[in-house]
C-alpha atoms as a PDB file:
ATOM      1  CA  MET A   1      27.410  19.463 -12.752  1.00  0.00           C
ATOM      2  CA  PRO A   2      29.402  19.039  -9.482  1.00  0.00           C
ATOM      3  CA  ARG A   3      27.752  16.757  -6.902  1.00  0.00           C
ATOM      4  CA  PRO A   4      27.339  19.423  -4.137  1.00  0.00           C
ATOM      5  CA  LEU A   5      25.580  21.681  -6.614  1.00  0.00           C
ATOM      6  CA  MET A   6      23.269  18.807  -7.657  1.00  0.00           C
ATOM      7  CA  CYS A   7      22.394  18.146  -3.983  1.00  0.00           C
ATOM      8  CA  LEU A   8      21.599  21.805  -3.473  1.00  0.00           C
ATOM      9  CA  LEU A   9      19.447  21.720  -6.590  1.00  0.00           C
ATOM     10  CA  CYS A  10      17.577  18.663  -5.235  1.00  0.00           C
ATOM     11  CA  LEU A  11      16.911  20.403  -1.927  1.00  0.00           C
ATOM     12  CA  LEU A  12      15.683  23.538  -3.660  1.00  0.00           C
ATOM     13  CA  MET A  13      13.349  21.545  -5.877  1.00  0.00           C
ATOM     14  CA  LEU A  14      11.926  19.670  -2.912  1.00  0.00           C
ATOM     15  CA  GLY A  15      11.441  22.974  -1.133  1.00  0.00           C
ATOM     16  CA  LEU A  16       9.546  24.333  -4.119  1.00  0.00           C
ATOM     17  CA  PHE A  17       7.397  21.287  -4.744  1.00  0.00           C
ATOM     18  CA  VAL A  18       6.716  20.214  -1.161  1.00  0.00           C
ATOM     19  CA  ALA A  19       4.705  23.206  -0.080  1.00  0.00           C
ATOM     20  CA  PRO A  20       2.808  23.266   3.197  1.00  0.00           C
ATOM     21  CA  VAL A  21      -0.325  21.228   2.688  1.00  0.00           C
ATOM     22  CA  ALA A  22      -2.593  23.974   4.031  1.00  0.00           C
ATOM     23  CA  ALA A  23      -1.434  26.248   1.215  1.00  0.00           C
ATOM     24  CA  VAL A  24      -2.349  23.727  -1.497  1.00  0.00           C
ATOM     25  CA  GLU A  25      -6.039  23.533  -2.182  1.00  0.00           C
ATOM     26  CA  GLU A  26      -7.376  20.294  -3.604  1.00  0.00           C
ATOM     27  CA  ASP A  27     -10.597  19.671  -5.403  1.00  0.00           C
ATOM     28  CA  GLU A  28     -12.919  17.934  -2.931  1.00  0.00           C
ATOM     29  CA  GLU A  29     -14.100  15.532  -5.614  1.00  0.00           C
ATOM     30  CA  ASP A  30     -10.504  14.444  -6.373  1.00  0.00           C
ATOM     31  CA  ALA A  31      -9.846  13.892  -2.648  1.00  0.00           C
ATOM     32  CA  ASP A  32     -12.385  11.045  -2.722  1.00  0.00           C
ATOM     33  CA  TYR A  33     -10.315   9.145  -5.286  1.00  0.00           C
ATOM     34  CA  LEU A  34      -6.718   9.221  -4.098  1.00  0.00           C
ATOM     35  CA  PRO A  35      -4.790   6.230  -5.492  1.00  0.00           C
ATOM     36  CA  GLY A  36      -3.184   3.667  -3.198  1.00  0.00           C
ATOM     37  CA  LEU A  37      -3.851   2.425   0.315  1.00  0.00           C
ATOM     38  CA  SER A  38      -3.119   3.951   3.725  1.00  0.00           C
ATOM     39  CA  ALA A  39      -0.668   1.676   5.536  1.00  0.00           C
ATOM     40  CA  VAL A  40       0.302   1.419   9.203  1.00  0.00           C
ATOM     41  CA  TYR A  41       3.351  -0.681  10.121  1.00  0.00           C
ATOM     42  CA  SER A  42       4.274  -1.607  13.707  1.00  0.00           C
ATOM     43  CA  SER A  43       7.481  -3.206  14.944  1.00  0.00           C
ATOM     44  CA  GLY A  44       8.132  -3.369  18.670  1.00  0.00           C
ATOM     45  CA  LYS A  45       7.067  -0.011  20.133  1.00  0.00           C
ATOM     46  CA  LYS A  46       7.545   1.918  16.872  1.00  0.00           C
ATOM     47  CA  THR A  47       4.752   2.647  14.394  1.00  0.00           C
ATOM     48  CA  ILE A  48       5.008   4.349  11.014  1.00  0.00           C
ATOM     49  CA  ARG A  49       2.435   5.362   8.408  1.00  0.00           C
ATOM     50  CA  ARG A  50       2.830   5.583   4.673  1.00  0.00           C
ATOM     51  CA  ILE A  51       0.965   5.206   1.372  1.00  0.00           C
ATOM     52  CA  ASP A  52       1.384   2.019  -0.675  1.00  0.00           C
ATOM     53  CA  PRO A  53       0.176   1.846  -4.288  1.00  0.00           C
ATOM     54  CA  ASP A  54      -0.697  -1.853  -3.944  1.00  0.00           C
ATOM     55  CA  ILE A  55       0.086  -4.905  -1.822  1.00  0.00           C
ATOM     56  CA  GLU A  56       2.877  -6.844  -3.470  1.00  0.00           C
ATOM     57  CA  PHE A  57       5.821  -7.258  -1.102  1.00  0.00           C
ATOM     58  CA  VAL A  58       8.689  -9.689  -0.581  1.00  0.00           C
ATOM     59  CA  TRP A  59      10.411  -8.464   2.579  1.00  0.00           C
ATOM     60  CA  GLY A  60      12.446 -11.576   3.286  1.00  0.00           C
ATOM     61  CA  THR A  61      14.394 -11.044   6.515  1.00  0.00           C
ATOM     62  CA  ALA A  62      15.107  -7.351   5.863  1.00  0.00           C
ATOM     63  CA  SER A  63      13.360  -4.407   7.469  1.00  0.00           C
ATOM     64  CA  LEU A  64      10.206  -3.415   5.597  1.00  0.00           C
ATOM     65  CA  ASP A  65      11.052   0.285   5.936  1.00  0.00           C
ATOM     66  CA  PRO A  66      14.291   2.111   6.845  1.00  0.00           C
ATOM     67  CA  ARG A  67      12.467   3.701   9.790  1.00  0.00           C
ATOM     68  CA  LEU A  68      11.751   0.314  11.420  1.00  0.00           C
ATOM     69  CA  PRO A  69      14.094  -2.385  12.751  1.00  0.00           C
ATOM     70  CA  ALA A  70      14.276  -5.791  11.062  1.00  0.00           C
ATOM     71  CA  GLY A  71      12.308  -8.538  12.797  1.00  0.00           C
ATOM     72  CA  PRO A  72       8.657  -9.287  13.522  1.00  0.00           C
ATOM     73  CA  PHE A  73       6.098  -6.687  12.496  1.00  0.00           C
ATOM     74  CA  GLN A  74       2.406  -6.110  11.850  1.00  0.00           C
ATOM     75  CA  ALA A  75       0.893  -4.206   8.960  1.00  0.00           C
ATOM     76  CA  LYS A  76      -2.556  -2.872   8.203  1.00  0.00           C
ATOM     77  CA  TRP A  77      -3.767  -1.397   4.909  1.00  0.00           C
ATOM     78  CA  GLN A  78      -7.054   0.445   4.544  1.00  0.00           C
ATOM     79  CA  GLY A  79      -8.811   1.966   1.585  1.00  0.00           C
ATOM     80  CA  ARG A  80     -11.428   1.163  -1.021  1.00  0.00           C
ATOM     81  CA  LEU A  81     -11.610  -1.420  -3.780  1.00  0.00           C
ATOM     82  CA  LEU A  82     -13.560  -0.685  -6.954  1.00  0.00           C
ATOM     83  CA  LEU A  83     -15.519  -3.603  -8.388  1.00  0.00           C
ATOM     84  CA  GLN A  84     -16.554  -2.757 -11.939  1.00  0.00           C
ATOM     85  CA  GLU A  85     -19.416  -5.230 -12.269  1.00  0.00           C
ATOM     86  CA  PRO A  86     -21.564  -7.607 -10.237  1.00  0.00           C
ATOM     87  CA  SER A  87     -19.830 -10.989 -10.167  1.00  0.00           C
ATOM     88  CA  THR A  88     -18.603 -13.887  -8.086  1.00  0.00           C
ATOM     89  CA  TYR A  89     -15.208 -12.753  -6.792  1.00  0.00           C
ATOM     90  CA  ARG A  90     -12.530 -14.806  -5.102  1.00  0.00           C
ATOM     91  CA  PHE A  91      -9.446 -13.476  -3.301  1.00  0.00           C
ATOM     92  CA  PHE A  92      -6.046 -15.157  -3.002  1.00  0.00           C
ATOM     93  CA  ALA A  93      -2.812 -14.377  -1.195  1.00  0.00           C
ATOM     94  CA  TYR A  94       0.679 -15.655  -1.822  1.00  0.00           C
ATOM     95  CA  VAL A  95       1.975 -15.218   1.679  1.00  0.00           C
ATOM     96  CA  GLN A  96       4.598 -16.080   4.228  1.00  0.00           C
ATOM     97  CA  GLY A  97       3.015 -15.043   7.500  1.00  0.00           C
ATOM     98  CA  GLN A  98      -0.584 -14.472   8.571  1.00  0.00           C
ATOM     99  CA  VAL A  99      -3.156 -12.462   6.601  1.00  0.00           C
ATOM    100  CA  THR A 100      -6.824 -11.461   6.895  1.00  0.00           C
ATOM    101  CA  ILE A 101      -8.751  -9.533   4.246  1.00  0.00           C
ATOM    102  CA  THR A 102     -12.190  -7.998   4.758  1.00  0.00           C
ATOM    103  CA  LEU A 103     -14.379  -6.219   2.218  1.00  0.00           C
ATOM    104  CA  ASP A 104     -17.112  -4.016   3.714  1.00  0.00           C
ATOM    105  CA  GLY A 105     -16.670  -5.889   6.990  1.00  0.00           C
ATOM    106  CA  LYS A 106     -17.077  -9.338   5.372  1.00  0.00           C
ATOM    107  CA  GLU A 107     -14.067 -11.639   5.688  1.00  0.00           C
ATOM    108  CA  VAL A 108     -13.038 -12.740   2.195  1.00  0.00           C
ATOM    109  CA  LEU A 109      -9.740 -14.454   3.079  1.00  0.00           C
ATOM    110  CA  SER A 110      -7.873 -15.531   6.192  1.00  0.00           C
ATOM    111  CA  GLY A 111      -4.973 -17.868   6.811  1.00  0.00           C
ATOM    112  CA  LYS A 112      -1.365 -18.464   7.742  1.00  0.00           C
ATOM    113  CA  GLN A 113       1.661 -19.933   5.921  1.00  0.00           C
ATOM    114  CA  GLN A 114       5.038 -20.604   7.562  1.00  0.00           C
ATOM    115  CA  GLN A 115       6.662 -21.106   4.130  1.00  0.00           C
ATOM    116  CA  PRO A 116       5.667 -19.057   1.063  1.00  0.00           C
ATOM    117  CA  GLY A 117       2.407 -20.474  -0.289  1.00  0.00           C
ATOM    118  CA  TRP A 118      -1.153 -19.817  -1.438  1.00  0.00           C
ATOM    119  CA  ILE A 119      -4.205 -19.081   0.678  1.00  0.00           C
ATOM    120  CA  ASN A 120      -7.552 -19.139  -1.153  1.00  0.00           C
ATOM    121  CA  GLY A 121     -10.730 -17.393  -0.062  1.00  0.00           C
ATOM    122  CA  PRO A 122     -14.214 -18.701  -0.867  1.00  0.00           C
ATOM    123  CA  PRO A 123     -16.155 -17.497  -3.933  1.00  0.00           C
ATOM    124  CA  LEU A 124     -18.420 -14.603  -2.882  1.00  0.00           C
ATOM    125  CA  GLU A 125     -21.041 -12.524  -4.702  1.00  0.00           C
ATOM    126  CA  PHE A 126     -20.451  -8.778  -4.817  1.00  0.00           C
ATOM    127  CA  ASP A 127     -22.324  -6.012  -6.603  1.00  0.00           C
ATOM    128  CA  PHE A 128     -20.824  -3.157  -8.614  1.00  0.00           C
ATOM    129  CA  GLY A 129     -19.322  -0.318  -6.562  1.00  0.00           C
ATOM    130  CA  GLU A 130     -16.627   0.728  -4.110  1.00  0.00           C
ATOM    131  CA  PHE A 131     -16.076  -1.384  -1.016  1.00  0.00           C
ATOM    132  CA  GLU A 132     -14.090  -0.682   2.132  1.00  0.00           C
ATOM    133  CA  LEU A 133     -10.942  -2.817   2.026  1.00  0.00           C
ATOM    134  CA  ASP A 134      -9.052  -3.822   5.155  1.00  0.00           C
ATOM    135  CA  VAL A 135      -5.944  -6.036   4.988  1.00  0.00           C
ATOM    136  CA  GLN A 136      -4.061  -7.156   8.098  1.00  0.00           C
ATOM    137  CA  TYR A 137      -0.731  -8.960   7.991  1.00  0.00           C
ATOM    138  CA  LYS A 138       1.585 -10.338  10.644  1.00  0.00           C
ATOM    139  CA  LYS A 139       5.111 -11.605  10.050  1.00  0.00           C
ATOM    140  CA  THR A 140       5.195 -14.885  11.980  1.00  0.00           C
ATOM    141  CA  GLY A 141       8.656 -16.237  11.054  1.00  0.00           C
ATOM    142  CA  LYS A 142      12.130 -15.058  10.063  1.00  0.00           C
ATOM    143  CA  ALA A 143      11.003 -13.993   6.579  1.00  0.00           C
ATOM    144  CA  GLY A 144       7.825 -12.423   5.263  1.00  0.00           C
ATOM    145  CA  GLN A 145       5.988 -11.677   2.049  1.00  0.00           C
ATOM    146  CA  LEU A 146       2.496 -10.808   0.871  1.00  0.00           C
ATOM    147  CA  LYS A 147       1.028 -10.545  -2.630  1.00  0.00           C
ATOM    148  CA  LEU A 148      -2.715 -10.176  -3.249  1.00  0.00           C
ATOM    149  CA  PHE A 149      -4.606 -11.690  -6.178  1.00  0.00           C
ATOM    150  CA  TRP A 150      -8.233 -12.040  -7.237  1.00  0.00           C
ATOM    151  CA  SER A 151     -10.472 -13.681  -9.818  1.00  0.00           C
ATOM    152  CA  ALA A 152     -14.046 -13.220 -11.038  1.00  0.00           C
ATOM    153  CA  ASP A 153     -16.456 -14.852 -13.485  1.00  0.00           C
ATOM    154  CA  ARG A 154     -14.834 -13.043 -16.425  1.00  0.00           C
ATOM    155  CA  PHE A 155     -11.142 -13.388 -15.542  1.00  0.00           C
ATOM    156  CA  ASP A 156      -8.787 -15.925 -13.989  1.00  0.00           C
ATOM    157  CA  ARG A 157      -6.515 -15.307 -11.019  1.00  0.00           C
ATOM    158  CA  GLU A 158      -4.393 -12.175 -11.478  1.00  0.00           C
ATOM    159  CA  PRO A 159      -2.660  -9.637  -9.198  1.00  0.00           C
ATOM    160  CA  LEU A 160      -5.046  -7.197  -7.524  1.00  0.00           C
ATOM    161  CA  PRO A 161      -4.554  -4.134  -9.787  1.00  0.00           C
ATOM    162  CA  ALA A 162      -3.389  -0.855  -8.250  1.00  0.00           C
ATOM    163  CA  ARG A 163      -5.807   1.037 -10.546  1.00  0.00           C
ATOM    164  CA  PHE A 164      -8.770  -0.287  -8.507  1.00  0.00           C
ATOM    165  CA  LEU A 165      -7.320   0.659  -5.104  1.00  0.00           C
ATOM    166  CA  TYR A 166      -8.183   4.021  -3.521  1.00  0.00           C
ATOM    167  CA  ARG A 167      -7.675   5.497  -0.106  1.00  0.00           C
ATOM    168  CA  ASN A 168      -9.754   7.746   2.041  1.00  0.00           C
ATOM    169  CA  ASP A 169      -8.581  11.248   2.865  1.00  0.00           C
ATOM    170  CA  ILE A 170      -5.237  11.059   4.637  1.00  0.00           C
ATOM    171  CA  ALA A 171      -3.385  13.135   7.181  1.00  0.00           C
ATOM    172  CA  ALA A 172      -1.552  16.267   6.091  1.00  0.00           C
ATOM    173  CA  ASP A 173       1.882  14.832   6.923  1.00  0.00           C
ATOM    174  CA  LEU A 174       1.344  11.842   4.605  1.00  0.00           C
ATOM    175  CA  LYS A 175       0.194  14.136   1.812  1.00  0.00           C
ATOM    176  CA  GLN A 176       3.367  16.168   2.196  1.00  0.00           C
ATOM    177  CA  ILE A 177       5.539  13.033   2.208  1.00  0.00           C
ATOM    178  CA  GLU A 178       3.797  11.779  -0.929  1.00  0.00           C
ATOM    179  CA  ARG A 179       4.427  15.100  -2.709  1.00  0.00           C
ATOM    180  CA  GLY A 180       8.084  14.940  -1.695  1.00  0.00           C
ATOM    181  CA  GLN A 181       8.416  11.364  -2.992  1.00  0.00           C
ATOM    182  CA  THR A 182       6.816  12.364  -6.297  1.00  0.00           C
ATOM    183  CA  ALA A 183       9.164  15.348  -6.699  1.00  0.00           C
ATOM    184  CA  PHE A 184      12.155  13.194  -5.648  1.00  0.00           C
ATOM    185  CA  ALA A 185      11.332  10.624  -8.362  1.00  0.00           C
ATOM    186  CA  ALA A 186      10.381  13.179 -11.032  1.00  0.00           C
ATOM    187  CA  HIS A 187      13.657  15.050 -10.679  1.00  0.00           C
ATOM    188  CA  ARG A 188      15.689  11.832 -10.456  1.00  0.00           C
ATOM    189  CA  CYS A 189      17.243  12.723  -7.118  1.00  0.00           C
ATOM    190  CA  ASN A 190      17.614   8.954  -6.545  1.00  0.00           C
ATOM    191  CA  ARG A 191      20.617   8.991  -8.915  1.00  0.00           C
ATOM    192  CA  CYS A 192      22.679  10.313  -6.000  1.00  0.00           C
ATOM    193  CA  HIS A 193      20.449   9.894  -2.921  1.00  0.00           C
ATOM    194  CA  ARG A 194      18.738   6.840  -1.431  1.00  0.00           C
END
C-alpha cells in the first residue's frame, strides 16, 4: 500500500478509536483499577503529564520526553501499590539522581547517587491491601536513571512489577492520549511514524 494511503489510514483509525472521553462510558468499578502510575515531569518552566506502566528508566543525557528539553528535570509518580499479603517489605532503587518513595505517607526509601548505584530502604511491616504510592525523583547530574525494586519475606529483590501498580482516576486528556497510544500500537502505526 502506498505510504500516503497508509498515513491516511492511520489517521482515520486514530479518529475512530480516540473518541471524545465524555462519549465513552466506563464502568465505575474498573475506573478504580486503572493500570500504571500518573506521572508529572517538570523541566525549567515546562510541565507535562503522562501515564507510565512502571518505573524503570535509563534516560542518560537525553530528554525524558520529546515534549521537554534535555537537561535537569523533576518527576513525580502517584498511584497505588497492591501488597498481596502481610509481610516485611523492603524497597530498593538503582538510581542516578535523587529519589524518595513513600507508601501511605510513610517514607520507605530516600537517597541520592551521583553515579548509578543502589539505595536500600529499611525493612518495614505492611499488611495486605492497596497503599498510596508516591515516588519523587530529581536528576542531579548530567545523566539520570531510576529503577525500582522490592523484596519481602517470601521473595528476594526483584523489579517492582507493573501488575501491582494502579493509578487513581485521571484527567480526561490523559485518558484520550492513552487510548490514542493503544490504537497507535495496535495498528502498528509506529512502522512509519515515531
